[in-house]
Amino acid sequence: MNEHDRATIQEFYALVEAEWERGLREHPERATYLGDPRYNDRFTDHSPEAIEARMRREKEVLTRLEAIDATRWPEEDRLNYDLFRKEYEVAVAGH
């Protein structure tokens, strides 16, 4: 593993964190259930526009993930990558 791989791993985990936060914002009931009170004053937007925006974002994230070469990553990081990518593959396929 080289410096580029380490930087890519850091970028990957930053994406995971950003997507976690987006998920809490877009599904505030989940945040509340998990004990995060930041979005207690909101409900999930189920409008067609919001659903379309979430679908576009999932496709964008999958495209970013597909561009990552995780073959030289440590096993734990590669497993995290594989699971995260699979989550987005399933989500996009379900559209």
PDB file of N, CA and C in Angstrom:
ATOM      1  N   MET A   1       0.851  -1.175   0.000  1.00  0.00           N
ATOM      2  CA  MET A   1       0.000   0.000   0.000  1.00  0.00           C
ATOM      3  C   MET A   1       0.897   1.238   0.000  1.00  0.00           C
ATOM      4  N   ASN A   2       0.570   2.180  -0.862  1.00  0.00           N
ATOM      5  CA  ASN A   2       1.380   3.389  -0.972  1.00  0.00           C
ATOM      6  C   ASN A   2       0.618   4.604  -0.433  1.00  0.00           C
ATOM      7  N   GLU A   3       1.232   5.760  -0.559  1.00  0.00           N
ATOM      8  CA  GLU A   3       0.637   7.000  -0.046  1.00  0.00           C
ATOM      9  C   GLU A   3      -0.686   7.320  -0.739  1.00  0.00           C
ATOM     10  N   HIS A   4      -0.756   7.041  -2.026  1.00  0.00           N
ATOM     11  CA  HIS A   4      -2.006   7.270  -2.762  1.00  0.00           C
ATOM     12  C   HIS A   4      -3.134   6.416  -2.180  1.00  0.00           C
ATOM     13  N   ASP A   5      -2.832   5.159  -1.865  1.00  0.00           N
ATOM     14  CA  ASP A   5      -3.843   4.274  -1.269  1.00  0.00           C
ATOM     15  C   ASP A   5      -4.310   4.818   0.079  1.00  0.00           C
ATOM     16  N   ARG A   6      -3.367   5.284   0.897  1.00  0.00           N
ATOM     17  CA  ARG A   6      -3.734   5.834   2.205  1.00  0.00           C
ATOM     18  C   ARG A   6      -4.632   7.053   2.052  1.00  0.00           C
ATOM     19  N   ALA A   7      -4.304   7.901   1.088  1.00  0.00           N
ATOM     20  CA  ALA A   7      -5.134   9.088   0.840  1.00  0.00           C
ATOM     21  C   ALA A   7      -6.518   8.685   0.341  1.00  0.00           C
ATOM     22  N   THR A   8      -6.564   7.673  -0.502  1.00  0.00           N
ATOM     23  CA  THR A   8      -7.849   7.204  -1.025  1.00  0.00           C
ATOM     24  C   THR A   8      -8.700   6.607   0.089  1.00  0.00           C
ATOM     25  N   ILE A   9      -8.078   5.890   1.001  1.00  0.00           N
ATOM     26  CA  ILE A   9      -8.808   5.337   2.148  1.00  0.00           C
ATOM     27  C   ILE A   9      -9.397   6.470   2.979  1.00  0.00           C
ATOM     28  N   GLN A  10      -8.618   7.510   3.219  1.00  0.00           N
ATOM     29  CA  GLN A  10      -9.129   8.657   3.983  1.00  0.00           C
ATOM     30  C   GLN A  10     -10.300   9.310   3.261  1.00  0.00           C
ATOM     31  N   GLU A  11     -10.190   9.455   1.957  1.00  0.00           N
ATOM     32  CA  GLU A  11     -11.286  10.034   1.170  1.00  0.00           C
ATOM     33  C   GLU A  11     -12.529   9.147   1.240  1.00  0.00           C
ATOM     34  N   PHE A  12     -12.320   7.840   1.199  1.00  0.00           N
ATOM     35  CA  PHE A  12     -13.440   6.906   1.298  1.00  0.00           C
ATOM     36  C   PHE A  12     -14.169   7.086   2.626  1.00  0.00           C
ATOM     37  N   TYR A  13     -13.429   7.122   3.729  1.00  0.00           N
ATOM     38  CA  TYR A  13     -14.082   7.260   5.030  1.00  0.00           C
ATOM     39  C   TYR A  13     -14.732   8.632   5.195  1.00  0.00           C
ATOM     40  N   ALA A  14     -14.197   9.644   4.552  1.00  0.00           N
ATOM     41  CA  ALA A  14     -14.857  10.958   4.556  1.00  0.00           C
ATOM     42  C   ALA A  14     -16.192  10.869   3.815  1.00  0.00           C
ATOM     43  N   LEU A  15     -16.226  10.115   2.722  1.00  0.00           N
ATOM     44  CA  LEU A  15     -17.474   9.904   1.986  1.00  0.00           C
ATOM     45  C   LEU A  15     -18.473   9.130   2.843  1.00  0.00           C
ATOM     46  N   VAL A  16     -18.013   8.101   3.528  1.00  0.00           N
ATOM     47  CA  VAL A  16     -18.889   7.327   4.411  1.00  0.00           C
ATOM     48  C   VAL A  16     -19.498   8.247   5.464  1.00  0.00           C
ATOM     49  N   GLU A  17     -18.674   9.063   6.079  1.00  0.00           N
ATOM     50  CA  GLU A  17     -19.156   9.989   7.117  1.00  0.00           C
ATOM     51  C   GLU A  17     -20.157  10.982   6.539  1.00  0.00           C
ATOM     52  N   ALA A  18     -19.852  11.536   5.377  1.00  0.00           N
ATOM     53  CA  ALA A  18     -20.761  12.503   4.749  1.00  0.00           C
ATOM     54  C   ALA A  18     -22.098  11.851   4.415  1.00  0.00           C
ATOM     55  N   GLU A  19     -22.055  10.618   3.937  1.00  0.00           N
ATOM     56  CA  GLU A  19     -23.294   9.917   3.598  1.00  0.00           C
ATOM     57  C   GLU A  19     -24.086   9.550   4.851  1.00  0.00           C
ATOM     58  N   TRP A  20     -23.394   9.221   5.929  1.00  0.00           N
ATOM     59  CA  TRP A  20     -24.082   8.955   7.195  1.00  0.00           C
ATOM     60  C   TRP A  20     -24.833  10.208   7.633  1.00  0.00           C
ATOM     61  N   GLU A  21     -24.148  11.339   7.599  1.00  0.00           N
ATOM     62  CA  GLU A  21     -24.778  12.601   8.001  1.00  0.00           C
ATOM     63  C   GLU A  21     -25.936  12.957   7.072  1.00  0.00           C
ATOM     64  N   ARG A  22     -25.768  12.748   5.786  1.00  0.00           N
ATOM     65  CA  ARG A  22     -26.851  13.021   4.836  1.00  0.00           C
ATOM     66  C   ARG A  22     -28.050  12.133   5.145  1.00  0.00           C
ATOM     67  N   GLY A  23     -27.782  10.885   5.438  1.00  0.00           N
ATOM     68  CA  GLY A  23     -28.860   9.960   5.775  1.00  0.00           C
ATOM     69  C   GLY A  23     -29.639  10.403   6.996  1.00  0.00           C
ATOM     70  N   LEU A  24     -28.943  10.909   7.991  1.00  0.00           N
ATOM     71  CA  LEU A  24     -29.630  11.402   9.186  1.00  0.00           C
ATOM     72  C   LEU A  24     -30.457  12.640   8.870  1.00  0.00           C
ATOM     73  N   ARG A  25     -29.900  13.540   8.057  1.00  0.00           N
ATOM     74  CA  ARG A  25     -30.643  14.749   7.675  1.00  0.00           C
ATOM     75  C   ARG A  25     -31.885  14.408   6.860  1.00  0.00           C
ATOM     76  N   GLU A  26     -31.733  13.486   5.919  1.00  0.00           N
ATOM     77  CA  GLU A  26     -32.838  13.161   5.019  1.00  0.00           C
ATOM     78  C   GLU A  26     -33.860  12.219   5.642  1.00  0.00           C
ATOM     79  N   HIS A  27     -33.477  11.528   6.693  1.00  0.00           N
ATOM     80  CA  HIS A  27     -34.381  10.612   7.400  1.00  0.00           C
ATOM     81  C   HIS A  27     -34.311  10.940   8.896  1.00  0.00           C
ATOM     82  N   PRO A  28     -34.854  12.094   9.273  1.00  0.00           N
ATOM     83  CA  PRO A  28     -34.706  12.561  10.654  1.00  0.00           C
ATOM     84  C   PRO A  28     -35.302  11.618  11.700  1.00  0.00           C
ATOM     85  N   GLU A  29     -36.305  10.838  11.327  1.00  0.00           N
ATOM     86  CA  GLU A  29     -36.855   9.879  12.291  1.00  0.00           C
ATOM     87  C   GLU A  29     -35.795   8.850  12.687  1.00  0.00           C
ATOM     88  N   ARG A  30     -34.961   8.460  11.735  1.00  0.00           N
ATOM     89  CA  ARG A  30     -33.867   7.527  12.030  1.00  0.00           C
ATOM     90  C   ARG A  30     -32.886   8.165  13.011  1.00  0.00           C
ATOM     91  N   ALA A  31     -32.581   9.427  12.776  1.00  0.00           N
ATOM     92  CA  ALA A  31     -31.666  10.128  13.684  1.00  0.00           C
ATOM     93  C   ALA A  31     -32.236  10.140  15.098  1.00  0.00           C
ATOM     94  N   THR A  32     -33.510  10.459  15.211  1.00  0.00           N
ATOM     95  CA  THR A  32     -34.154  10.485  16.524  1.00  0.00           C
ATOM     96  C   THR A  32     -34.103   9.104  17.163  1.00  0.00           C
ATOM     97  N   TYR A  33     -34.419   8.072  16.400  1.00  0.00           N
ATOM     98  CA  TYR A  33     -34.388   6.698  16.901  1.00  0.00           C
ATOM     99  C   TYR A  33     -32.995   6.334  17.422  1.00  0.00           C
ATOM    100  N   LEU A  34     -31.963   6.833  16.743  1.00  0.00           N
ATOM    101  CA  LEU A  34     -30.585   6.539  17.140  1.00  0.00           C
ATOM    102  C   LEU A  34     -30.094   7.430  18.275  1.00  0.00           C
ATOM    103  N   GLY A  35     -30.956   8.338  18.747  1.00  0.00           N
ATOM    104  CA  GLY A  35     -30.588   9.199  19.867  1.00  0.00           C
ATOM    105  C   GLY A  35     -29.966  10.518  19.470  1.00  0.00           C
ATOM    106  N   ASP A  36     -30.017  10.864  18.201  1.00  0.00           N
ATOM    107  CA  ASP A  36     -29.472  12.130  17.705  1.00  0.00           C
ATOM    108  C   ASP A  36     -30.626  13.130  17.606  1.00  0.00           C
ATOM    109  N   PRO A  37     -30.667  14.136  18.483  1.00  0.00           N
ATOM    110  CA  PRO A  37     -31.816  15.048  18.524  1.00  0.00           C
ATOM    111  C   PRO A  37     -31.752  16.210  17.537  1.00  0.00           C
ATOM    112  N   ARG A  38     -30.732  16.286  16.700  1.00  0.00           N
ATOM    113  CA  ARG A  38     -30.557  17.461  15.840  1.00  0.00           C
ATOM    114  C   ARG A  38     -31.715  17.695  14.882  1.00  0.00           C
ATOM    115  N   TYR A  39     -32.429  16.668  14.517  1.00  0.00           N
ATOM    116  CA  TYR A  39     -33.478  16.799  13.501  1.00  0.00           C
ATOM    117  C   TYR A  39     -34.865  16.456  14.057  1.00  0.00           C
ATOM    118  N   ASN A  40     -35.025  16.581  15.361  1.00  0.00           N
ATOM    119  CA  ASN A  40     -36.296  16.230  15.996  1.00  0.00           C
ATOM    120  C   ASN A  40     -37.468  17.064  15.494  1.00  0.00           C
ATOM    121  N   ASP A  41     -37.186  18.199  14.889  1.00  0.00           N
ATOM    122  CA  ASP A  41     -38.259  19.089  14.428  1.00  0.00           C
ATOM    123  C   ASP A  41     -38.660  18.819  12.979  1.00  0.00           C
ATOM    124  N   ARG A  42     -38.209  17.705  12.407  1.00  0.00           N
ATOM    125  CA  ARG A  42     -38.451  17.441  10.985  1.00  0.00           C
ATOM    126  C   ARG A  42     -38.973  16.024  10.758  1.00  0.00           C
ATOM    127  N   PHE A  43     -39.523  15.847   9.553  1.00  0.00           N
ATOM    128  CA  PHE A  43     -39.926  14.532   9.071  1.00  0.00           C
ATOM    129  C   PHE A  43     -39.279  14.303   7.708  1.00  0.00           C
ATOM    130  N   THR A  44     -39.150  13.048   7.314  1.00  0.00           N
ATOM    131  CA  THR A  44     -38.609  12.705   6.004  1.00  0.00           C
ATOM    132  C   THR A  44     -39.491  13.298   4.914  1.00  0.00           C
ATOM    133  N   ASP A  45     -38.853  13.901   3.930  1.00  0.00           N
ATOM    134  CA  ASP A  45     -39.565  14.465   2.780  1.00  0.00           C
ATOM    135  C   ASP A  45     -39.797  13.342   1.771  1.00  0.00           C
ATOM    136  N   HIS A  46     -41.059  12.990   1.583  1.00  0.00           N
ATOM    137  CA  HIS A  46     -41.404  11.917   0.650  1.00  0.00           C
ATOM    138  C   HIS A  46     -41.971  12.456  -0.656  1.00  0.00           C
ATOM    139  N   SER A  47     -41.694  13.731  -0.937  1.00  0.00           N
ATOM    140  CA  SER A  47     -42.181  14.307  -2.190  1.00  0.00           C
ATOM    141  C   SER A  47     -41.437  13.668  -3.362  1.00  0.00           C
ATOM    142  N   PRO A  48     -42.046  13.652  -4.545  1.00  0.00           N
ATOM    143  CA  PRO A  48     -41.354  13.089  -5.715  1.00  0.00           C
ATOM    144  C   PRO A  48     -40.003  13.761  -5.971  1.00  0.00           C
ATOM    145  N   GLU A  49     -39.923  15.060  -5.740  1.00  0.00           N
ATOM    146  CA  GLU A  49     -38.662  15.783  -5.966  1.00  0.00           C
ATOM    147  C   GLU A  49     -37.579  15.310  -5.004  1.00  0.00           C
ATOM    148  N   ALA A  50     -37.949  15.122  -3.742  1.00  0.00           N
ATOM    149  CA  ALA A  50     -36.968  14.674  -2.747  1.00  0.00           C
ATOM    150  C   ALA A  50     -36.513  13.247  -3.033  1.00  0.00           C
ATOM    151  N   ILE A  51     -37.446  12.408  -3.426  1.00  0.00           N
ATOM    152  CA  ILE A  51     -37.091  11.024  -3.762  1.00  0.00           C
ATOM    153  C   ILE A  51     -36.146  11.001  -4.958  1.00  0.00           C
ATOM    154  N   GLU A  52     -36.444  11.801  -5.962  1.00  0.00           N
ATOM    155  CA  GLU A  52     -35.580  11.887  -7.147  1.00  0.00           C
ATOM    156  C   GLU A  52     -34.186  12.395  -6.774  1.00  0.00           C
ATOM    157  N   ALA A  53     -34.122  13.387  -5.899  1.00  0.00           N
ATOM    158  CA  ALA A  53     -32.827  13.925  -5.466  1.00  0.00           C
ATOM    159  C   ALA A  53     -32.020  12.855  -4.735  1.00  0.00           C
ATOM    160  N   ARG A  54     -32.672  12.064  -3.886  1.00  0.00           N
ATOM    161  CA  ARG A  54     -31.967  10.985  -3.186  1.00  0.00           C
ATOM    162  C   ARG A  54     -31.467   9.934  -4.171  1.00  0.00           C
ATOM    163  N   MET A  55     -32.279   9.613  -5.160  1.00  0.00           N
ATOM    164  CA  MET A  55     -31.860   8.633  -6.170  1.00  0.00           C
ATOM    165  C   MET A  55     -30.653   9.141  -6.954  1.00  0.00           C
ATOM    166  N   ARG A  56     -30.666  10.421  -7.319  1.00  0.00           N
ATOM    167  CA  ARG A  56     -29.517  10.999  -8.039  1.00  0.00           C
ATOM    168  C   ARG A  56     -28.266  10.931  -7.176  1.00  0.00           C
ATOM    169  N   ARG A  57     -28.406  11.268  -5.898  1.00  0.00           N
ATOM    170  CA  ARG A  57     -27.260  11.249  -4.996  1.00  0.00           C
ATOM    171  C   ARG A  57     -26.707   9.829  -4.857  1.00  0.00           C
ATOM    172  N   GLU A  58     -27.576   8.852  -4.743  1.00  0.00           N
ATOM    173  CA  GLU A  58     -27.108   7.468  -4.628  1.00  0.00           C
ATOM    174  C   GLU A  58     -26.335   7.047  -5.874  1.00  0.00           C
ATOM    175  N   LYS A  59     -26.802   7.450  -7.039  1.00  0.00           N
ATOM    176  CA  LYS A  59     -26.084   7.140  -8.285  1.00  0.00           C
ATOM    177  C   LYS A  59     -24.730   7.837  -8.321  1.00  0.00           C
ATOM    178  N   GLU A  60     -24.682   9.091  -7.859  1.00  0.00           N
ATOM    179  CA  GLU A  60     -23.415   9.830  -7.820  1.00  0.00           C
ATOM    180  C   GLU A  60     -22.420   9.151  -6.886  1.00  0.00           C
ATOM    181  N   VAL A  61     -22.891   8.732  -5.731  1.00  0.00           N
ATOM    182  CA  VAL A  61     -22.007   8.059  -4.775  1.00  0.00           C
ATOM    183  C   VAL A  61     -21.504   6.746  -5.363  1.00  0.00           C
ATOM    184  N   LEU A  62     -22.381   5.986  -5.988  1.00  0.00           N
ATOM    185  CA  LEU A  62     -21.950   4.725  -6.598  1.00  0.00           C
ATOM    186  C   LEU A  62     -20.902   4.975  -7.677  1.00  0.00           C
ATOM    187  N   THR A  63     -21.078   5.998  -8.473  1.00  0.00           N
ATOM    188  CA  THR A  63     -20.084   6.337  -9.498  1.00  0.00           C
ATOM    189  C   THR A  63     -18.737   6.644  -8.851  1.00  0.00           C
ATOM    190  N   ARG A  64     -18.757   7.395  -7.759  1.00  0.00           N
ATOM    191  CA  ARG A  64     -17.505   7.688  -7.038  1.00  0.00           C
ATOM    192  C   ARG A  64     -16.873   6.410  -6.506  1.00  0.00           C
ATOM    193  N   LEU A  65     -17.690   5.531  -5.956  1.00  0.00           N
ATOM    194  CA  LEU A  65     -17.167   4.281  -5.406  1.00  0.00           C
ATOM    195  C   LEU A  65     -16.587   3.388  -6.492  1.00  0.00           C
ATOM    196  N   GLU A  66     -17.233   3.345  -7.647  1.00  0.00           N
ATOM    197  CA  GLU A  66     -16.745   2.516  -8.752  1.00  0.00           C
ATOM    198  C   GLU A  66     -15.389   2.994  -9.267  1.00  0.00           C
ATOM    199  N   ALA A  67     -15.065   4.250  -9.042  1.00  0.00           N
ATOM    200  CA  ALA A  67     -13.790   4.803  -9.504  1.00  0.00           C
ATOM    201  C   ALA A  67     -12.638   4.491  -8.547  1.00  0.00           C
ATOM    202  N   ILE A  68     -12.944   3.913  -7.407  1.00  0.00           N
ATOM    203  CA  ILE A  68     -11.921   3.616  -6.399  1.00  0.00           C
ATOM    204  C   ILE A  68     -11.357   2.218  -6.624  1.00  0.00           C
ATOM    205  N   ASP A  69     -10.032   2.125  -6.609  1.00  0.00           N
ATOM    206  CA  ASP A  69      -9.354   0.829  -6.674  1.00  0.00           C
ATOM    207  C   ASP A  69      -8.934   0.453  -5.254  1.00  0.00           C
ATOM    208  N   ALA A  70      -9.681  -0.445  -4.642  1.00  0.00           N
ATOM    209  CA  ALA A  70      -9.414  -0.834  -3.256  1.00  0.00           C
ATOM    210  C   ALA A  70      -8.657  -2.154  -3.157  1.00  0.00           C
ATOM    211  N   THR A  71      -8.124  -2.632  -4.248  1.00  0.00           N
ATOM    212  CA  THR A  71      -7.506  -3.962  -4.262  1.00  0.00           C
ATOM    213  C   THR A  71      -6.281  -4.070  -3.355  1.00  0.00           C
ATOM    214  N   ARG A  72      -5.581  -2.975  -3.109  1.00  0.00           N
ATOM    215  CA  ARG A  72      -4.376  -3.024  -2.271  1.00  0.00           C
ATOM    216  C   ARG A  72      -4.645  -2.562  -0.841  1.00  0.00           C
ATOM    217  N   TRP A  73      -5.870  -2.286  -0.532  1.00  0.00           N
ATOM    218  CA  TRP A  73      -6.212  -1.818   0.812  1.00  0.00           C
ATOM    219  C   TRP A  73      -6.099  -2.954   1.826  1.00  0.00           C
ATOM    220  N   PRO A  74      -5.873  -2.608   3.092  1.00  0.00           N
ATOM    221  CA  PRO A  74      -5.918  -3.632   4.138  1.00  0.00           C
ATOM    222  C   PRO A  74      -7.298  -4.305   4.158  1.00  0.00           C
ATOM    223  N   GLU A  75      -7.334  -5.537   4.600  1.00  0.00           N
ATOM    224  CA  GLU A  75      -8.558  -6.341   4.537  1.00  0.00           C
ATOM    225  C   GLU A  75      -9.758  -5.656   5.197  1.00  0.00           C
ATOM    226  N   GLU A  76      -9.568  -5.081   6.362  1.00  0.00           N
ATOM    227  CA  GLU A  76     -10.677  -4.430   7.071  1.00  0.00           C
ATOM    228  C   GLU A  76     -11.250  -3.265   6.259  1.00  0.00           C
ATOM    229  N   ASP A  77     -10.380  -2.448   5.702  1.00  0.00           N
ATOM    230  CA  ASP A  77     -10.833  -1.312   4.897  1.00  0.00           C
ATOM    231  C   ASP A  77     -11.503  -1.786   3.612  1.00  0.00           C
ATOM    232  N   ARG A  78     -10.967  -2.821   3.013  1.00  0.00           N
ATOM    233  CA  ARG A  78     -11.551  -3.365   1.785  1.00  0.00           C
ATOM    234  C   ARG A  78     -12.947  -3.934   2.060  1.00  0.00           C
ATOM    235  N   LEU A  79     -13.108  -4.594   3.208  1.00  0.00           N
ATOM    236  CA  LEU A  79     -14.417  -5.122   3.583  1.00  0.00           C
ATOM    237  C   LEU A  79     -15.414  -3.975   3.771  1.00  0.00           C
ATOM    238  N   ASN A  80     -15.004  -2.922   4.454  1.00  0.00           N
ATOM    239  CA  ASN A  80     -15.871  -1.752   4.624  1.00  0.00           C
ATOM    240  C   ASN A  80     -16.258  -1.164   3.273  1.00  0.00           C
ATOM    241  N   TYR A  81     -15.284  -1.065   2.387  1.00  0.00           N
ATOM    242  CA  TYR A  81     -15.551  -0.552   1.040  1.00  0.00           C
ATOM    243  C   TYR A  81     -16.547  -1.450   0.308  1.00  0.00           C
ATOM    244  N   ASP A  82     -16.300  -2.749   0.339  1.00  0.00           N
ATOM    245  CA  ASP A  82     -17.175  -3.688  -0.376  1.00  0.00           C
ATOM    246  C   ASP A  82     -18.612  -3.610   0.135  1.00  0.00           C
ATOM    247  N   LEU A  83     -18.783  -3.557   1.441  1.00  0.00           N
ATOM    248  CA  LEU A  83     -20.128  -3.486   2.016  1.00  0.00           C
ATOM    249  C   LEU A  83     -20.815  -2.169   1.678  1.00  0.00           C
ATOM    250  N   PHE A  84     -20.078  -1.079   1.772  1.00  0.00           N
ATOM    251  CA  PHE A  84     -20.644   0.236   1.471  1.00  0.00           C
ATOM    252  C   PHE A  84     -21.039   0.319   0.002  1.00  0.00           C
ATOM    253  N   ARG A  85     -20.161  -0.167  -0.862  1.00  0.00           N
ATOM    254  CA  ARG A  85     -20.465  -0.146  -2.296  1.00  0.00           C
ATOM    255  C   ARG A  85     -21.680  -1.019  -2.601  1.00  0.00           C
ATOM    256  N   LYS A  86     -21.755  -2.188  -1.984  1.00  0.00           N
ATOM    257  CA  LYS A  86     -22.889  -3.086  -2.215  1.00  0.00           C
ATOM    258  C   LYS A  86     -24.199  -2.408  -1.808  1.00  0.00           C
ATOM    259  N   GLU A  87     -24.174  -1.678  -0.723  1.00  0.00           N
ATOM    260  CA  GLU A  87     -25.365  -0.951  -0.275  1.00  0.00           C
ATOM    261  C   GLU A  87     -25.866  -0.006  -1.368  1.00  0.00           C
ATOM    262  N   TYR A  88     -24.955   0.688  -2.026  1.00  0.00           N
ATOM    263  CA  TYR A  88     -25.340   1.633  -3.078  1.00  0.00           C
ATOM    264  C   TYR A  88     -25.703   0.915  -4.374  1.00  0.00           C
ATOM    265  N   GLU A  89     -25.052  -0.199  -4.653  1.00  0.00           N
ATOM    266  CA  GLU A  89     -25.437  -0.981  -5.835  1.00  0.00           C
ATOM    267  C   GLU A  89     -26.880  -1.471  -5.705  1.00  0.00           C
ATOM    268  N   VAL A  90     -27.229  -1.959  -4.527  1.00  0.00           N
ATOM    269  CA  VAL A  90     -28.590  -2.446  -4.285  1.00  0.00           C
ATOM    270  C   VAL A  90     -29.585  -1.296  -4.366  1.00  0.00           C
ATOM    271  N   ALA A  91     -29.234  -0.160  -3.771  1.00  0.00           N
ATOM    272  CA  ALA A  91     -30.137   0.997  -3.796  1.00  0.00           C
ATOM    273  C   ALA A  91     -30.391   1.468  -5.223  1.00  0.00           C
ATOM    274  N   VAL A  92     -29.335   1.580  -6.007  1.00  0.00           N
ATOM    275  CA  VAL A  92     -29.476   2.061  -7.388  1.00  0.00           C
ATOM    276  C   VAL A  92     -30.235   1.038  -8.231  1.00  0.00           C
ATOM    277  N   ALA A  93     -29.970  -0.238  -8.030  1.00  0.00           N
ATOM    278  CA  ALA A  93     -30.674  -1.276  -8.792  1.00  0.00           C
ATOM    279  C   ALA A  93     -32.166  -1.288  -8.474  1.00  0.00           C
ATOM    280  N   GLY A  94     -32.519  -0.844  -7.288  1.00  0.00           N
ATOM    281  CA  GLY A  94     -33.913  -0.832  -6.882  1.00  0.00           C
ATOM    282  C   GLY A  94     -34.720   0.318  -7.441  1.00  0.00           C
ATOM    283  N   HIS A  95     -34.060   1.200  -8.158  1.00  0.00           N
ATOM    284  CA  HIS A  95     -34.781   2.353  -8.710  1.00  0.00           C
ATOM    285  C   HIS A  95     -35.409   1.957  -9.989  1.00  0.00           C
TER     286      HIS A  95
END
